[in-house]
Amino acid sequence: MSTTTTGLSSARRRKKTRLYLVLGGLGCLALATLLMLAAFRDNIVFFFGPSEVVEGKVATGQTFRLGGLVKDGSVDRPGAADEGAVWFTVTDNAQDVRVRFAGLLPDLFREGQGVVALGALNDEGVFLADEVLARHDETYMPPEAVEAMKRAGTWKHTEEGAAEGGAGGAGYAPAAQ
């Protein structure tokens, strides 16, 4: 049996080297996984409906998506006095959340239609939207908005929508109040 100056055989030295390489590889994999999870955590944006926001399920300053219907009669464009911001209310027909958006609204944005806004709540409970998305046709409602309204108990399935079989919430209409 041949030994080196350190007293280890060449076979044992190769095993030890292989062990260090495997442990180093596992360490690098663990580090890469942790970095990836940290990046995901910073980029995950949750969806909430107005009822969940009013119930306090969202912290002030936390970025999230707010979805529901633009409440009829709630759109206000104060003009230059408010830096061109548009104010409107998002509702799930159970609770309302006031929204402020300084930017260009989508062409399909209007009262009584589905909307999803990305932003955060301020200290006064106003949702400061950075982005506003509107539905794309008469029967489409963003799936997240439909789910939020279902959880609030304010949506029902219509027979016309069931026959149409549209995707992502087609065929859902506000429940009668």
C-alpha atoms as a PDB file:
ATOM      1  CA  MET A   1       0.000   0.000   0.000  1.00  0.00           C
ATOM      2  CA  SER A   2       1.463   3.311  -1.014  1.00  0.00           C
ATOM      3  CA  THR A   3       1.207   6.244   1.321  1.00  0.00           C
ATOM      4  CA  THR A   4       2.012   9.880   0.867  1.00  0.00           C
ATOM      5  CA  THR A   5       3.803  12.212   3.184  1.00  0.00           C
ATOM      6  CA  THR A   6       0.495  13.027   4.897  1.00  0.00           C
ATOM      7  CA  GLY A   7      -0.089   9.382   5.716  1.00  0.00           C
ATOM      8  CA  LEU A   8      -3.175   8.879   3.442  1.00  0.00           C
ATOM      9  CA  SER A   9      -3.424   6.337   0.681  1.00  0.00           C
ATOM     10  CA  SER A  10      -4.168   7.640  -2.812  1.00  0.00           C
ATOM     11  CA  ALA A  11      -7.601   5.940  -2.810  1.00  0.00           C
ATOM     12  CA  ARG A  12      -8.523   7.542   0.492  1.00  0.00           C
ATOM     13  CA  ARG A  13      -7.268  10.939  -0.754  1.00  0.00           C
ATOM     14  CA  ARG A  14      -9.490  10.625  -3.887  1.00  0.00           C
ATOM     15  CA  LYS A  15     -12.522   9.779  -1.708  1.00  0.00           C
ATOM     16  CA  LYS A  16     -11.830  12.751   0.528  1.00  0.00           C
ATOM     17  CA  THR A  17     -11.457  15.049  -2.512  1.00  0.00           C
ATOM     18  CA  ARG A  18     -14.706  13.689  -3.990  1.00  0.00           C
ATOM     19  CA  LEU A  19     -16.490  14.291  -0.659  1.00  0.00           C
ATOM     20  CA  TYR A  20     -15.297  17.914  -0.574  1.00  0.00           C
ATOM     21  CA  LEU A  21     -16.451  18.435  -4.165  1.00  0.00           C
ATOM     22  CA  VAL A  22     -19.899  16.970  -3.443  1.00  0.00           C
ATOM     23  CA  LEU A  23     -20.274  19.044  -0.258  1.00  0.00           C
ATOM     24  CA  GLY A  24     -19.124  22.173  -2.105  1.00  0.00           C
ATOM     25  CA  GLY A  25     -21.609  21.491  -4.911  1.00  0.00           C
ATOM     26  CA  LEU A  26     -24.447  21.001  -2.415  1.00  0.00           C
ATOM     27  CA  GLY A  27     -23.463  24.233  -0.665  1.00  0.00           C
ATOM     28  CA  CYS A  28     -23.524  26.129  -3.972  1.00  0.00           C
ATOM     29  CA  LEU A  29     -26.924  24.604  -4.819  1.00  0.00           C
ATOM     30  CA  ALA A  30     -28.309  25.598  -1.403  1.00  0.00           C
ATOM     31  CA  LEU A  31     -27.001  29.143  -1.821  1.00  0.00           C
ATOM     32  CA  ALA A  32     -28.504  29.423  -5.319  1.00  0.00           C
ATOM     33  CA  THR A  33     -31.847  28.134  -4.002  1.00  0.00           C
ATOM     34  CA  LEU A  34     -31.873  30.669  -1.156  1.00  0.00           C
ATOM     35  CA  LEU A  35     -31.069  33.536  -3.526  1.00  0.00           C
ATOM     36  CA  MET A  36     -33.816  32.431  -5.906  1.00  0.00           C
ATOM     37  CA  LEU A  37     -36.390  32.171  -3.120  1.00  0.00           C
ATOM     38  CA  ALA A  38     -35.420  35.624  -1.829  1.00  0.00           C
ATOM     39  CA  ALA A  39     -35.912  37.064  -5.327  1.00  0.00           C
ATOM     40  CA  PHE A  40     -39.319  35.378  -5.636  1.00  0.00           C
ATOM     41  CA  ARG A  41     -40.410  36.677  -2.252  1.00  0.00           C
ATOM     42  CA  ASP A  42     -39.623  40.230  -3.324  1.00  0.00           C
ATOM     43  CA  ASN A  43     -41.495  39.842  -6.626  1.00  0.00           C
ATOM     44  CA  ILE A  44     -44.597  37.939  -5.538  1.00  0.00           C
ATOM     45  CA  VAL A  45     -47.662  40.154  -5.680  1.00  0.00           C
ATOM     46  CA  PHE A  46     -50.826  38.872  -4.021  1.00  0.00           C
ATOM     47  CA  PHE A  47     -54.408  39.589  -5.117  1.00  0.00           C
ATOM     48  CA  PHE A  48     -57.087  40.888  -2.766  1.00  0.00           C
ATOM     49  CA  GLY A  49     -60.665  42.025  -3.198  1.00  0.00           C
ATOM     50  CA  PRO A  50     -62.148  45.099  -1.500  1.00  0.00           C
ATOM     51  CA  SER A  51     -63.722  43.017   1.295  1.00  0.00           C
ATOM     52  CA  GLU A  52     -60.351  41.503   2.198  1.00  0.00           C
ATOM     53  CA  VAL A  53     -58.690  44.933   2.152  1.00  0.00           C
ATOM     54  CA  VAL A  54     -61.364  46.428   4.431  1.00  0.00           C
ATOM     55  CA  GLU A  55     -61.019  43.433   6.780  1.00  0.00           C
ATOM     56  CA  GLY A  56     -57.363  44.381   7.252  1.00  0.00           C
ATOM     57  CA  LYS A  57     -55.741  41.416   5.505  1.00  0.00           C
ATOM     58  CA  VAL A  58     -53.281  43.779   3.798  1.00  0.00           C
ATOM     59  CA  ALA A  59     -50.605  45.825   5.558  1.00  0.00           C
ATOM     60  CA  THR A  60     -50.090  49.489   4.769  1.00  0.00           C
ATOM     61  CA  GLY A  61     -47.381  49.884   2.147  1.00  0.00           C
ATOM     62  CA  GLN A  62     -47.557  46.239   0.979  1.00  0.00           C
ATOM     63  CA  THR A  63     -47.739  45.954  -2.824  1.00  0.00           C
ATOM     64  CA  PHE A  64     -50.691  43.888  -4.035  1.00  0.00           C
ATOM     65  CA  ARG A  65     -53.336  43.658  -6.751  1.00  0.00           C
ATOM     66  CA  LEU A  66     -56.797  45.001  -6.014  1.00  0.00           C
ATOM     67  CA  GLY A  67     -59.626  43.723  -8.174  1.00  0.00           C
ATOM     68  CA  GLY A  68     -63.331  44.252  -8.527  1.00  0.00           C
ATOM     69  CA  LEU A  69     -65.741  46.554 -10.318  1.00  0.00           C
ATOM     70  CA  VAL A  70     -65.395  50.288 -10.807  1.00  0.00           C
ATOM     71  CA  LYS A  71     -68.311  51.619  -8.778  1.00  0.00           C
ATOM     72  CA  ASP A  72     -70.881  53.584 -10.771  1.00  0.00           C
ATOM     73  CA  GLY A  73     -70.591  57.330 -10.204  1.00  0.00           C
ATOM     74  CA  SER A  74     -67.240  57.066  -8.427  1.00  0.00           C
ATOM     75  CA  VAL A  75     -64.801  58.258 -11.118  1.00  0.00           C
ATOM     76  CA  ASP A  76     -63.444  61.717 -10.339  1.00  0.00           C
ATOM     77  CA  ARG A  77     -60.880  63.609 -12.441  1.00  0.00           C
ATOM     78  CA  PRO A  78     -59.955  66.684 -10.390  1.00  0.00           C
ATOM     79  CA  GLY A  79     -57.428  67.771 -13.034  1.00  0.00           C
ATOM     80  CA  ALA A  80     -54.251  69.752 -12.484  1.00  0.00           C
ATOM     81  CA  ALA A  81     -55.075  70.392  -8.825  1.00  0.00           C
ATOM     82  CA  ASP A  82     -54.235  66.733  -8.097  1.00  0.00           C
ATOM     83  CA  GLU A  83     -51.383  66.283 -10.603  1.00  0.00           C
ATOM     84  CA  GLY A  84     -53.791  64.835 -13.168  1.00  0.00           C
ATOM     85  CA  ALA A  85     -54.718  61.913 -10.924  1.00  0.00           C
ATOM     86  CA  VAL A  86     -57.941  60.001 -11.351  1.00  0.00           C
ATOM     87  CA  TRP A  87     -59.875  58.896  -8.293  1.00  0.00           C
ATOM     88  CA  PHE A  88     -62.338  55.999  -8.397  1.00  0.00           C
ATOM     89  CA  THR A  89     -63.787  53.321  -6.155  1.00  0.00           C
ATOM     90  CA  VAL A  90     -63.309  49.574  -6.609  1.00  0.00           C
ATOM     91  CA  THR A  91     -66.119  47.477  -5.176  1.00  0.00           C
ATOM     92  CA  ASP A  92     -67.101  43.840  -4.841  1.00  0.00           C
ATOM     93  CA  ASN A  93     -70.671  44.976  -4.051  1.00  0.00           C
ATOM     94  CA  ALA A  94     -69.996  44.251  -0.371  1.00  0.00           C
ATOM     95  CA  GLN A  95     -67.130  46.669   0.428  1.00  0.00           C
ATOM     96  CA  ASP A  96     -65.469  49.604  -1.351  1.00  0.00           C
ATOM     97  CA  VAL A  97     -61.861  50.786  -1.609  1.00  0.00           C
ATOM     98  CA  ARG A  98     -60.989  54.278  -2.840  1.00  0.00           C
ATOM     99  CA  VAL A  99     -58.229  54.317  -5.491  1.00  0.00           C
ATOM    100  CA  ARG A 100     -55.944  57.104  -6.722  1.00  0.00           C
ATOM    101  CA  PHE A 101     -54.145  56.625 -10.032  1.00  0.00           C
ATOM    102  CA  ALA A 102     -51.840  59.180 -11.680  1.00  0.00           C
ATOM    103  CA  GLY A 103     -51.391  57.989 -15.229  1.00  0.00           C
ATOM    104  CA  LEU A 104     -53.188  57.068 -18.399  1.00  0.00           C
ATOM    105  CA  LEU A 105     -56.135  54.764 -17.860  1.00  0.00           C
ATOM    106  CA  PRO A 106     -56.783  51.951 -20.335  1.00  0.00           C
ATOM    107  CA  ASP A 107     -59.253  52.750 -23.131  1.00  0.00           C
ATOM    108  CA  LEU A 108     -61.639  50.091 -21.788  1.00  0.00           C
ATOM    109  CA  PHE A 109     -61.733  51.601 -18.278  1.00  0.00           C
ATOM    110  CA  ARG A 110     -65.219  52.747 -17.283  1.00  0.00           C
ATOM    111  CA  GLU A 111     -67.720  52.598 -14.452  1.00  0.00           C
ATOM    112  CA  GLY A 112     -69.407  49.278 -13.813  1.00  0.00           C
ATOM    113  CA  GLN A 113     -66.615  47.284 -15.468  1.00  0.00           C
ATOM    114  CA  GLY A 114     -64.009  44.921 -14.061  1.00  0.00           C
ATOM    115  CA  VAL A 115     -60.611  46.296 -13.119  1.00  0.00           C
ATOM    116  CA  VAL A 116     -57.384  45.080 -11.530  1.00  0.00           C
ATOM    117  CA  ALA A 117     -55.013  47.680 -10.062  1.00  0.00           C
ATOM    118  CA  LEU A 118     -51.463  47.171  -8.800  1.00  0.00           C
ATOM    119  CA  GLY A 119     -50.286  49.349  -5.929  1.00  0.00           C
ATOM    120  CA  ALA A 120     -50.337  49.753  -2.150  1.00  0.00           C
ATOM    121  CA  LEU A 121     -52.458  51.247   0.620  1.00  0.00           C
ATOM    122  CA  ASN A 122     -51.389  54.495   2.223  1.00  0.00           C
ATOM    123  CA  ASP A 123     -51.907  55.435   5.879  1.00  0.00           C
ATOM    124  CA  GLU A 124     -55.395  56.821   5.153  1.00  0.00           C
ATOM    125  CA  GLY A 125     -56.572  53.547   3.589  1.00  0.00           C
ATOM    126  CA  VAL A 126     -56.468  54.886   0.024  1.00  0.00           C
ATOM    127  CA  PHE A 127     -55.098  52.491  -2.586  1.00  0.00           C
ATOM    128  CA  LEU A 128     -52.353  54.258  -4.559  1.00  0.00           C
ATOM    129  CA  ALA A 129     -52.306  52.470  -7.905  1.00  0.00           C
ATOM    130  CA  ASP A 130     -49.181  52.283 -10.046  1.00  0.00           C
ATOM    131  CA  GLU A 131     -50.920  50.343 -12.817  1.00  0.00           C
ATOM    132  CA  VAL A 132     -54.561  49.812 -13.824  1.00  0.00           C
ATOM    133  CA  LEU A 133     -55.780  47.014 -16.079  1.00  0.00           C
ATOM    134  CA  ALA A 134     -59.288  46.827 -17.531  1.00  0.00           C
ATOM    135  CA  ARG A 135     -61.245  43.939 -18.986  1.00  0.00           C
ATOM    136  CA  HIS A 136     -60.980  43.243 -22.703  1.00  0.00           C
ATOM    137  CA  ASP A 137     -64.537  42.453 -23.830  1.00  0.00           C
ATOM    138  CA  GLU A 138     -68.122  42.413 -22.605  1.00  0.00           C
ATOM    139  CA  THR A 139     -68.051  38.962 -21.036  1.00  0.00           C
ATOM    140  CA  TYR A 140     -64.556  38.849 -19.567  1.00  0.00           C
ATOM    141  CA  MET A 141     -63.839  39.517 -15.926  1.00  0.00           C
ATOM    142  CA  PRO A 142     -60.316  39.010 -14.548  1.00  0.00           C
ATOM    143  CA  PRO A 143     -60.292  35.602 -12.849  1.00  0.00           C
ATOM    144  CA  GLU A 144     -58.851  37.123  -9.670  1.00  0.00           C
ATOM    145  CA  ALA A 145     -61.700  39.643  -9.504  1.00  0.00           C
ATOM    146  CA  VAL A 146     -64.301  36.903  -9.996  1.00  0.00           C
ATOM    147  CA  GLU A 147     -62.744  34.835  -7.197  1.00  0.00           C
ATOM    148  CA  ALA A 148     -62.649  37.831  -4.845  1.00  0.00           C
ATOM    149  CA  MET A 149     -66.296  38.584  -5.524  1.00  0.00           C
ATOM    150  CA  LYS A 150     -67.216  34.933  -5.051  1.00  0.00           C
ATOM    151  CA  ARG A 151     -65.481  34.984  -1.648  1.00  0.00           C
ATOM    152  CA  ALA A 152     -67.444  38.121  -0.783  1.00  0.00           C
ATOM    153  CA  GLY A 153     -70.659  36.373  -1.867  1.00  0.00           C
ATOM    154  CA  THR A 154     -71.638  39.079  -4.342  1.00  0.00           C
ATOM    155  CA  TRP A 155     -71.414  37.205  -7.661  1.00  0.00           C
ATOM    156  CA  LYS A 156     -73.595  34.602  -9.284  1.00  0.00           C
ATOM    157  CA  HIS A 157     -73.311  32.555 -12.458  1.00  0.00           C
ATOM    158  CA  THR A 158     -75.646  33.532 -15.317  1.00  0.00           C
ATOM    159  CA  GLU A 159     -77.160  31.103 -17.804  1.00  0.00           C
ATOM    160  CA  GLU A 160     -75.988  33.198 -20.781  1.00  0.00           C
ATOM    161  CA  GLY A 161     -72.394  33.036 -19.579  1.00  0.00           C
ATOM    162  CA  ALA A 162     -72.628  29.287 -19.044  1.00  0.00           C
ATOM    163  CA  ALA A 163     -73.807  28.846 -22.622  1.00  0.00           C
ATOM    164  CA  GLU A 164     -71.053  31.104 -23.940  1.00  0.00           C
ATOM    165  CA  GLY A 165     -68.362  29.206 -22.069  1.00  0.00           C
ATOM    166  CA  GLY A 166     -65.954  32.142 -22.073  1.00  0.00           C
ATOM    167  CA  ALA A 167     -62.675  31.890 -20.236  1.00  0.00           C
ATOM    168  CA  GLY A 168     -61.545  33.447 -17.005  1.00  0.00           C
ATOM    169  CA  GLY A 169     -64.834  34.411 -15.444  1.00  0.00           C
ATOM    170  CA  ALA A 170     -67.050  34.951 -18.473  1.00  0.00           C
ATOM    171  CA  GLY A 171     -70.686  34.579 -17.625  1.00  0.00           C
ATOM    172  CA  TYR A 172     -70.482  36.080 -14.178  1.00  0.00           C
ATOM    173  CA  ALA A 173     -72.631  39.035 -13.287  1.00  0.00           C
ATOM    174  CA  PRO A 174     -73.193  41.089 -10.164  1.00  0.00           C
ATOM    175  CA  ALA A 175     -75.659  39.520  -7.764  1.00  0.00           C
ATOM    176  CA  ALA A 176     -78.909  41.360  -7.262  1.00  0.00           C
ATOM    177  CA  GLN A 177     -78.925  43.504  -4.166  1.00  0.00           C
END
